[in-house]
Structure formats: C-alpha cells, structure tokens
Amino acid sequence: MAAIMTRDELFTRISTILQDTFEIDPARISPAANLYTDLDIDSIDAVDLIVQLKPLLGGKLQPDAFKAVRTVQDVVDVLHGLIRDAA
C-alpha cells in the first residue's frame, strides 16, 4: 500500500501540475492563491487538473468533492482527505 502523501507533498505535486500543464509562473502559486482569480484557471482547466490528480487516488476521484474548492490549499485539503479515506 502506498504511503499517504503529506499536505506539503500534495502541494508540491499540485504546484508542478499547475506549472507544467497550465504554464503558471511558480511565483504565483501559493496555498492561498485562488484558482480562478489568481491563477486564471477556468472550469475546463479545473477538469483537466482533476484528471491529472486521479493517479494520486488510484483512479477513484469524485468531481463533486471539488465543488467547494477555491484555493490551492482547498485542493490540497480535499485530496488529503480523500487519500486518507481511501487508505
């Protein structure tokens, strides 16, 4: 069984995805950064982000879990909870 990733590890992974997939400047990515207003992520991009996060959960990912997500930290917290619940 894979070790549960820490919130810091998840933040690093999400930050890398944002940089590689959406070409976002790393200086703009912080836990408090709003995905929509600060990072210009739209709903299509958000779906792409969720798809890229699926492997962290072994493919089991409920898009509904991300409805209330607004900041990078929200993504980290939701993922951390889902990974912990799956373990």
PDB file of N, CA and C in Angstrom:
ATOM      1  N   MET A   1       0.842  -1.184   0.000  1.00  0.00           N
ATOM      2  CA  MET A   1       0.000   0.000   0.000  1.00  0.00           C
ATOM      3  C   MET A   1       0.886   1.245   0.000  1.00  0.00           C
ATOM      4  N   ALA A   2       0.544   2.209  -0.821  1.00  0.00           N
ATOM      5  CA  ALA A   2       1.324   3.434  -0.921  1.00  0.00           C
ATOM      6  C   ALA A   2       1.180   4.258   0.356  1.00  0.00           C
ATOM      7  N   ALA A   3       2.243   4.934   0.701  1.00  0.00           N
ATOM      8  CA  ALA A   3       2.206   5.809   1.873  1.00  0.00           C
ATOM      9  C   ALA A   3       1.294   6.994   1.565  1.00  0.00           C
ATOM     10  N   ILE A   4       0.631   7.472   2.601  1.00  0.00           N
ATOM     11  CA  ILE A   4      -0.224   8.648   2.437  1.00  0.00           C
ATOM     12  C   ILE A   4       0.679   9.866   2.255  1.00  0.00           C
ATOM     13  N   MET A   5       0.393  10.634   1.237  1.00  0.00           N
ATOM     14  CA  MET A   5       1.182  11.836   0.977  1.00  0.00           C
ATOM     15  C   MET A   5       0.838  12.907   2.004  1.00  0.00           C
ATOM     16  N   THR A   6       1.839  13.653   2.408  1.00  0.00           N
ATOM     17  CA  THR A   6       1.594  14.762   3.321  1.00  0.00           C
ATOM     18  C   THR A   6       0.993  15.930   2.538  1.00  0.00           C
ATOM     19  N   ARG A   7       0.459  16.892   3.270  1.00  0.00           N
ATOM     20  CA  ARG A   7      -0.088  18.078   2.612  1.00  0.00           C
ATOM     21  C   ARG A   7       1.012  18.810   1.830  1.00  0.00           C
ATOM     22  N   ASP A   8       2.225  18.850   2.380  1.00  0.00           N
ATOM     23  CA  ASP A   8       3.332  19.507   1.670  1.00  0.00           C
ATOM     24  C   ASP A   8       3.645  18.800   0.362  1.00  0.00           C
ATOM     25  N   GLU A   9       3.646  17.467   0.391  1.00  0.00           N
ATOM     26  CA  GLU A   9       3.909  16.696  -0.829  1.00  0.00           C
ATOM     27  C   GLU A   9       2.808  16.917  -1.859  1.00  0.00           C
ATOM     28  N   LEU A  10       1.575  16.985  -1.381  1.00  0.00           N
ATOM     29  CA  LEU A  10       0.454  17.242  -2.287  1.00  0.00           C
ATOM     30  C   LEU A  10       0.555  18.632  -2.894  1.00  0.00           C
ATOM     31  N   PHE A  11       0.907  19.622  -2.078  1.00  0.00           N
ATOM     32  CA  PHE A  11       1.063  20.985  -2.599  1.00  0.00           C
ATOM     33  C   PHE A  11       2.127  21.010  -3.691  1.00  0.00           C
ATOM     34  N   THR A  12       3.243  20.337  -3.442  1.00  0.00           N
ATOM     35  CA  THR A  12       4.329  20.298  -4.433  1.00  0.00           C
ATOM     36  C   THR A  12       3.848  19.654  -5.726  1.00  0.00           C
ATOM     37  N   ARG A  13       3.100  18.560  -5.618  1.00  0.00           N
ATOM     38  CA  ARG A  13       2.598  17.849  -6.798  1.00  0.00           C
ATOM     39  C   ARG A  13       1.615  18.732  -7.567  1.00  0.00           C
ATOM     40  N   ILE A  14       0.692  19.372  -6.849  1.00  0.00           N
ATOM     41  CA  ILE A  14      -0.300  20.239  -7.487  1.00  0.00           C
ATOM     42  C   ILE A  14       0.396  21.429  -8.151  1.00  0.00           C
ATOM     43  N   SER A  15       1.375  21.999  -7.456  1.00  0.00           N
ATOM     44  CA  SER A  15       2.132  23.127  -7.999  1.00  0.00           C
ATOM     45  C   SER A  15       2.815  22.732  -9.307  1.00  0.00           C
ATOM     46  N   THR A  16       3.406  21.548  -9.335  1.00  0.00           N
ATOM     47  CA  THR A  16       4.071  21.055 -10.546  1.00  0.00           C
ATOM     48  C   THR A  16       3.073  20.900 -11.689  1.00  0.00           C
ATOM     49  N   ILE A  17       1.904  20.353 -11.395  1.00  0.00           N
ATOM     50  CA  ILE A  17       0.867  20.191 -12.426  1.00  0.00           C
ATOM     51  C   ILE A  17       0.443  21.558 -12.962  1.00  0.00           C
ATOM     52  N   LEU A  18       0.236  22.522 -12.060  1.00  0.00           N
ATOM     53  CA  LEU A  18      -0.172  23.865 -12.489  1.00  0.00           C
ATOM     54  C   LEU A  18       0.891  24.498 -13.382  1.00  0.00           C
ATOM     55  N   GLN A  19       2.157  24.285 -13.031  1.00  0.00           N
ATOM     56  CA  GLN A  19       3.244  24.850 -13.832  1.00  0.00           C
ATOM     57  C   GLN A  19       3.358  24.155 -15.183  1.00  0.00           C
ATOM     58  N   ASP A  20       3.355  22.821 -15.160  1.00  0.00           N
ATOM     59  CA  ASP A  20       3.580  22.052 -16.392  1.00  0.00           C
ATOM     60  C   ASP A  20       2.389  22.090 -17.346  1.00  0.00           C
ATOM     61  N   THR A  21       1.203  21.979 -16.809  1.00  0.00           N
ATOM     62  CA  THR A  21       0.007  21.879 -17.648  1.00  0.00           C
ATOM     63  C   THR A  21      -0.527  23.233 -18.071  1.00  0.00           C
ATOM     64  N   PHE A  22      -0.514  24.187 -17.143  1.00  0.00           N
ATOM     65  CA  PHE A  22      -1.159  25.469 -17.413  1.00  0.00           C
ATOM     66  C   PHE A  22      -0.157  26.620 -17.556  1.00  0.00           C
ATOM     67  N   GLU A  23       1.142  26.269 -17.490  1.00  0.00           N
ATOM     68  CA  GLU A  23       2.220  27.252 -17.669  1.00  0.00           C
ATOM     69  C   GLU A  23       2.065  28.444 -16.726  1.00  0.00           C
ATOM     70  N   ILE A  24       1.737  28.145 -15.472  1.00  0.00           N
ATOM     71  CA  ILE A  24       1.587  29.189 -14.459  1.00  0.00           C
ATOM     72  C   ILE A  24       2.942  29.417 -13.793  1.00  0.00           C
ATOM     73  N   ASP A  25       3.301  30.673 -13.648  1.00  0.00           N
ATOM     74  CA  ASP A  25       4.553  31.052 -13.004  1.00  0.00           C
ATOM     75  C   ASP A  25       4.551  30.533 -11.565  1.00  0.00           C
ATOM     76  N   PRO A  26       5.593  29.781 -11.170  1.00  0.00           N
ATOM     77  CA  PRO A  26       5.646  29.241  -9.807  1.00  0.00           C
ATOM     78  C   PRO A  26       5.504  30.317  -8.727  1.00  0.00           C
ATOM     79  N   ALA A  27       5.931  31.529  -9.020  1.00  0.00           N
ATOM     80  CA  ALA A  27       5.835  32.613  -8.038  1.00  0.00           C
ATOM     81  C   ALA A  27       4.383  32.968  -7.722  1.00  0.00           C
ATOM     82  N   ARG A  28       3.465  32.635  -8.631  1.00  0.00           N
ATOM     83  CA  ARG A  28       2.045  32.933  -8.423  1.00  0.00           C
ATOM     84  C   ARG A  28       1.333  31.843  -7.630  1.00  0.00           C
ATOM     85  N   ILE A  29       1.973  30.690  -7.475  1.00  0.00           N
ATOM     86  CA  ILE A  29       1.327  29.546  -6.833  1.00  0.00           C
ATOM     87  C   ILE A  29       1.669  29.518  -5.346  1.00  0.00           C
ATOM     88  N   SER A  30       0.636  29.691  -4.534  1.00  0.00           N
ATOM     89  CA  SER A  30       0.790  29.596  -3.085  1.00  0.00           C
ATOM     90  C   SER A  30      -0.456  28.903  -2.548  1.00  0.00           C
ATOM     91  N   PRO A  31      -0.410  28.423  -1.306  1.00  0.00           N
ATOM     92  CA  PRO A  31      -1.609  27.777  -0.764  1.00  0.00           C
ATOM     93  C   PRO A  31      -2.843  28.684  -0.803  1.00  0.00           C
ATOM     94  N   ALA A  32      -2.648  29.988  -0.617  1.00  0.00           N
ATOM     95  CA  ALA A  32      -3.779  30.919  -0.575  1.00  0.00           C
ATOM     96  C   ALA A  32      -4.222  31.401  -1.958  1.00  0.00           C
ATOM     97  N   ALA A  33      -3.483  31.035  -3.007  1.00  0.00           N
ATOM     98  CA  ALA A  33      -3.823  31.503  -4.357  1.00  0.00           C
ATOM     99  C   ALA A  33      -5.182  30.954  -4.782  1.00  0.00           C
ATOM    100  N   ASN A  34      -6.058  31.858  -5.234  1.00  0.00           N
ATOM    101  CA  ASN A  34      -7.368  31.454  -5.730  1.00  0.00           C
ATOM    102  C   ASN A  34      -7.191  30.907  -7.147  1.00  0.00           C
ATOM    103  N   LEU A  35      -7.703  29.708  -7.371  1.00  0.00           N
ATOM    104  CA  LEU A  35      -7.526  29.049  -8.669  1.00  0.00           C
ATOM    105  C   LEU A  35      -8.103  29.887  -9.809  1.00  0.00           C
ATOM    106  N   TYR A  36      -9.226  30.530  -9.543  1.00  0.00           N
ATOM    107  CA  TYR A  36      -9.942  31.222 -10.613  1.00  0.00           C
ATOM    108  C   TYR A  36      -9.447  32.648 -10.814  1.00  0.00           C
ATOM    109  N   THR A  37      -9.332  33.410  -9.731  1.00  0.00           N
ATOM    110  CA  THR A  37      -8.968  34.821  -9.874  1.00  0.00           C
ATOM    111  C   THR A  37      -7.466  35.053  -9.907  1.00  0.00           C
ATOM    112  N   ASP A  38      -6.700  34.267  -9.140  1.00  0.00           N
ATOM    113  CA  ASP A  38      -5.253  34.480  -9.087  1.00  0.00           C
ATOM    114  C   ASP A  38      -4.503  33.698 -10.168  1.00  0.00           C
ATOM    115  N   LEU A  39      -4.981  32.502 -10.475  1.00  0.00           N
ATOM    116  CA  LEU A  39      -4.255  31.627 -11.405  1.00  0.00           C
ATOM    117  C   LEU A  39      -4.948  31.477 -12.760  1.00  0.00           C
ATOM    118  N   ASP A  40      -6.085  32.136 -12.938  1.00  0.00           N
ATOM    119  CA  ASP A  40      -6.812  32.107 -14.210  1.00  0.00           C
ATOM    120  C   ASP A  40      -7.191  30.702 -14.666  1.00  0.00           C
ATOM    121  N   ILE A  41      -7.521  29.849 -13.713  1.00  0.00           N
ATOM    122  CA  ILE A  41      -7.997  28.505 -14.037  1.00  0.00           C
ATOM    123  C   ILE A  41      -9.495  28.616 -14.317  1.00  0.00           C
ATOM    124  N   ASP A  42      -9.937  28.129 -15.479  1.00  0.00           N
ATOM    125  CA  ASP A  42     -11.375  28.137 -15.755  1.00  0.00           C
ATOM    126  C   ASP A  42     -11.943  26.736 -15.503  1.00  0.00           C
ATOM    127  N   SER A  43     -13.224  26.569 -15.751  1.00  0.00           N
ATOM    128  CA  SER A  43     -13.860  25.291 -15.425  1.00  0.00           C
ATOM    129  C   SER A  43     -13.281  24.131 -16.235  1.00  0.00           C
ATOM    130  N   ILE A  44     -12.909  24.387 -17.477  1.00  0.00           N
ATOM    131  CA  ILE A  44     -12.294  23.345 -18.311  1.00  0.00           C
ATOM    132  C   ILE A  44     -10.932  22.963 -17.733  1.00  0.00           C
ATOM    133  N   ASP A  45     -10.155  23.983 -17.355  1.00  0.00           N
ATOM    134  CA  ASP A  45      -8.845  23.724 -16.742  1.00  0.00           C
ATOM    135  C   ASP A  45      -9.006  22.942 -15.441  1.00  0.00           C
ATOM    136  N   ALA A  46     -10.032  23.269 -14.678  1.00  0.00           N
ATOM    137  CA  ALA A  46     -10.259  22.594 -13.399  1.00  0.00           C
ATOM    138  C   ALA A  46     -10.508  21.106 -13.625  1.00  0.00           C
ATOM    139  N   VAL A  47     -11.255  20.770 -14.667  1.00  0.00           N
ATOM    140  CA  VAL A  47     -11.490  19.365 -15.003  1.00  0.00           C
ATOM    141  C   VAL A  47     -10.166  18.694 -15.374  1.00  0.00           C
ATOM    142  N   ASP A  48      -9.343  19.379 -16.165  1.00  0.00           N
ATOM    143  CA  ASP A  48      -8.030  18.837 -16.531  1.00  0.00           C
ATOM    144  C   ASP A  48      -7.182  18.589 -15.280  1.00  0.00           C
ATOM    145  N   LEU A  49      -7.229  19.526 -14.350  1.00  0.00           N
ATOM    146  CA  LEU A  49      -6.471  19.387 -13.110  1.00  0.00           C
ATOM    147  C   LEU A  49      -6.932  18.152 -12.340  1.00  0.00           C
ATOM    148  N   ILE A  50      -8.248  17.981 -12.222  1.00  0.00           N
ATOM    149  CA  ILE A  50      -8.796  16.826 -11.504  1.00  0.00           C
ATOM    150  C   ILE A  50      -8.360  15.523 -12.178  1.00  0.00           C
ATOM    151  N   VAL A  51      -8.405  15.490 -13.505  1.00  0.00           N
ATOM    152  CA  VAL A  51      -7.983  14.296 -14.243  1.00  0.00           C
ATOM    153  C   VAL A  51      -6.522  13.967 -13.925  1.00  0.00           C
ATOM    154  N   GLN A  52      -5.687  14.996 -13.850  1.00  0.00           N
ATOM    155  CA  GLN A  52      -4.267  14.774 -13.563  1.00  0.00           C
ATOM    156  C   GLN A  52      -4.028  14.334 -12.122  1.00  0.00           C
ATOM    157  N   LEU A  53      -4.964  14.632 -11.237  1.00  0.00           N
ATOM    158  CA  LEU A  53      -4.826  14.247  -9.834  1.00  0.00           C
ATOM    159  C   LEU A  53      -5.312  12.826  -9.576  1.00  0.00           C
ATOM    160  N   LYS A  54      -6.077  12.274 -10.520  1.00  0.00           N
ATOM    161  CA  LYS A  54      -6.643  10.928 -10.355  1.00  0.00           C
ATOM    162  C   LYS A  54      -5.617   9.864  -9.950  1.00  0.00           C
ATOM    163  N   PRO A  55      -4.421   9.835 -10.574  1.00  0.00           N
ATOM    164  CA  PRO A  55      -3.460   8.786 -10.199  1.00  0.00           C
ATOM    165  C   PRO A  55      -3.078   8.808  -8.713  1.00  0.00           C
ATOM    166  N   LEU A  56      -3.159   9.955  -8.080  1.00  0.00           N
ATOM    167  CA  LEU A  56      -2.824  10.044  -6.660  1.00  0.00           C
ATOM    168  C   LEU A  56      -3.818   9.271  -5.803  1.00  0.00           C
ATOM    169  N   LEU A  57      -5.001   9.061  -6.357  1.00  0.00           N
ATOM    170  CA  LEU A  57      -6.062   8.378  -5.616  1.00  0.00           C
ATOM    171  C   LEU A  57      -6.340   6.991  -6.177  1.00  0.00           C
ATOM    172  N   GLY A  58      -5.458   6.495  -6.997  1.00  0.00           N
ATOM    173  CA  GLY A  58      -5.694   5.189  -7.593  1.00  0.00           C
ATOM    174  C   GLY A  58      -6.863   5.198  -8.553  1.00  0.00           C
ATOM    175  N   GLY A  59      -7.137   6.365  -9.137  1.00  0.00           N
ATOM    176  CA  GLY A  59      -8.191   6.463 -10.138  1.00  0.00           C
ATOM    177  C   GLY A  59      -9.572   6.733  -9.596  1.00  0.00           C
ATOM    178  N   LYS A  60      -9.737   6.670  -8.279  1.00  0.00           N
ATOM    179  CA  LYS A  60     -11.065   6.925  -7.704  1.00  0.00           C
ATOM    180  C   LYS A  60     -11.145   8.386  -7.284  1.00  0.00           C
ATOM    181  N   LEU A  61     -11.838   9.166  -8.077  1.00  0.00           N
ATOM    182  CA  LEU A  61     -11.922  10.598  -7.784  1.00  0.00           C
ATOM    183  C   LEU A  61     -13.315  11.090  -8.104  1.00  0.00           C
ATOM    184  N   GLN A  62     -13.957  11.678  -7.139  1.00  0.00           N
ATOM    185  CA  GLN A  62     -15.298  12.210  -7.324  1.00  0.00           C
ATOM    186  C   GLN A  62     -15.208  13.706  -7.605  1.00  0.00           C
ATOM    187  N   PRO A  63     -15.547  14.148  -8.822  1.00  0.00           N
ATOM    188  CA  PRO A  63     -15.504  15.583  -9.115  1.00  0.00           C
ATOM    189  C   PRO A  63     -16.331  16.409  -8.131  1.00  0.00           C
ATOM    190  N   ASP A  64     -17.415  15.828  -7.592  1.00  0.00           N
ATOM    191  CA  ASP A  64     -18.249  16.546  -6.626  1.00  0.00           C
ATOM    192  C   ASP A  64     -17.455  17.003  -5.411  1.00  0.00           C
ATOM    193  N   ALA A  65     -16.422  16.248  -5.064  1.00  0.00           N
ATOM    194  CA  ALA A  65     -15.613  16.587  -3.887  1.00  0.00           C
ATOM    195  C   ALA A  65     -14.925  17.934  -4.069  1.00  0.00           C
ATOM    196  N   PHE A  66     -14.796  18.375  -5.321  1.00  0.00           N
ATOM    197  CA  PHE A  66     -14.063  19.604  -5.611  1.00  0.00           C
ATOM    198  C   PHE A  66     -14.961  20.815  -5.857  1.00  0.00           C
ATOM    199  N   LYS A  67     -16.278  20.652  -5.657  1.00  0.00           N
ATOM    200  CA  LYS A  67     -17.213  21.752  -5.923  1.00  0.00           C
ATOM    201  C   LYS A  67     -16.907  23.011  -5.113  1.00  0.00           C
ATOM    202  N   ALA A  68     -16.512  22.838  -3.850  1.00  0.00           N
ATOM    203  CA  ALA A  68     -16.303  23.993  -2.970  1.00  0.00           C
ATOM    204  C   ALA A  68     -14.855  24.510  -3.005  1.00  0.00           C
ATOM    205  N   VAL A  69     -14.027  23.898  -3.833  1.00  0.00           N
ATOM    206  CA  VAL A  69     -12.611  24.276  -3.907  1.00  0.00           C
ATOM    207  C   VAL A  69     -12.452  25.656  -4.543  1.00  0.00           C
ATOM    208  N   ARG A  70     -11.704  26.518  -3.872  1.00  0.00           N
ATOM    209  CA  ARG A  70     -11.428  27.851  -4.409  1.00  0.00           C
ATOM    210  C   ARG A  70      -9.926  28.148  -4.483  1.00  0.00           C
ATOM    211  N   THR A  71      -9.176  27.635  -3.511  1.00  0.00           N
ATOM    212  CA  THR A  71      -7.739  27.940  -3.448  1.00  0.00           C
ATOM    213  C   THR A  71      -6.917  26.674  -3.643  1.00  0.00           C
ATOM    214  N   VAL A  72      -5.627  26.870  -3.847  1.00  0.00           N
ATOM    215  CA  VAL A  72      -4.714  25.724  -3.973  1.00  0.00           C
ATOM    216  C   VAL A  72      -4.779  24.893  -2.692  1.00  0.00           C
ATOM    217  N   GLN A  73      -4.828  25.569  -1.532  1.00  0.00           N
ATOM    218  CA  GLN A  73      -4.908  24.834  -0.253  1.00  0.00           C
ATOM    219  C   GLN A  73      -6.179  24.004  -0.165  1.00  0.00           C
ATOM    220  N   ASP A  74      -7.286  24.504  -0.711  1.00  0.00           N
ATOM    221  CA  ASP A  74      -8.526  23.714  -0.733  1.00  0.00           C
ATOM    222  C   ASP A  74      -8.316  22.403  -1.488  1.00  0.00           C
ATOM    223  N   VAL A  75      -7.615  22.475  -2.615  1.00  0.00           N
ATOM    224  CA  VAL A  75      -7.332  21.265  -3.406  1.00  0.00           C
ATOM    225  C   VAL A  75      -6.506  20.301  -2.571  1.00  0.00           C
ATOM    226  N   VAL A  76      -5.472  20.830  -1.918  1.00  0.00           N
ATOM    227  CA  VAL A  76      -4.606  20.004  -1.057  1.00  0.00           C
ATOM    228  C   VAL A  76      -5.446  19.321   0.026  1.00  0.00           C
ATOM    229  N   ASP A  77      -6.288  20.092   0.695  1.00  0.00           N
ATOM    230  CA  ASP A  77      -7.081  19.547   1.806  1.00  0.00           C
ATOM    231  C   ASP A  77      -8.065  18.476   1.342  1.00  0.00           C
ATOM    232  N   VAL A  78      -8.753  18.728   0.221  1.00  0.00           N
ATOM    233  CA  VAL A  78      -9.702  17.743  -0.303  1.00  0.00           C
ATOM    234  C   VAL A  78      -8.967  16.460  -0.700  1.00  0.00           C
ATOM    235  N   LEU A  79      -7.869  16.602  -1.421  1.00  0.00           N
ATOM    236  CA  LEU A  79      -7.093  15.426  -1.827  1.00  0.00           C
ATOM    237  C   LEU A  79      -6.589  14.652  -0.624  1.00  0.00           C
ATOM    238  N   HIS A  80      -6.050  15.372   0.354  1.00  0.00           N
ATOM    239  CA  HIS A  80      -5.512  14.720   1.557  1.00  0.00           C
ATOM    240  C   HIS A  80      -6.596  13.909   2.244  1.00  0.00           C
ATOM    241  N   GLY A  81      -7.789  14.497   2.351  1.00  0.00           N
ATOM    242  CA  GLY A  81      -8.908  13.777   2.974  1.00  0.00           C
ATOM    243  C   GLY A  81      -9.320  12.542   2.177  1.00  0.00           C
ATOM    244  N   LEU A  82      -9.367  12.669   0.854  1.00  0.00           N
ATOM    245  CA  LEU A  82      -9.768  11.545   0.008  1.00  0.00           C
ATOM    246  C   LEU A  82      -8.733  10.418   0.069  1.00  0.00           C
ATOM    247  N   ILE A  83      -7.460  10.790   0.065  1.00  0.00           N
ATOM    248  CA  ILE A  83      -6.388   9.781   0.132  1.00  0.00           C
ATOM    249  C   ILE A  83      -6.443   9.068   1.475  1.00  0.00           C
ATOM    250  N   ARG A  84      -6.632   9.843   2.541  1.00  0.00           N
ATOM    251  CA  ARG A  84      -6.697   9.259   3.883  1.00  0.00           C
ATOM    252  C   ARG A  84      -7.903   8.315   3.987  1.00  0.00           C
ATOM    253  N   ASP A  85      -9.049   8.729   3.430  1.00  0.00           N
ATOM    254  CA  ASP A  85     -10.247   7.897   3.486  1.00  0.00           C
ATOM    255  C   ASP A  85     -10.060   6.610   2.695  1.00  0.00           C
ATOM    256  N   ALA A  86      -9.301   6.676   1.607  1.00  0.00           N
ATOM    257  CA  ALA A  86      -9.088   5.506   0.747  1.00  0.00           C
ATOM    258  C   ALA A  86      -8.097   4.521   1.361  1.00  0.00           C
ATOM    259  N   ALA A  87      -7.264   5.006   2.270  1.00  0.00           N
ATOM    260  CA  ALA A  87      -6.217   4.152   2.863  1.00  0.00           C
ATOM    261  C   ALA A  87      -6.807   3.140   3.835  1.00  0.00           C
TER     262      ALA A  87
END
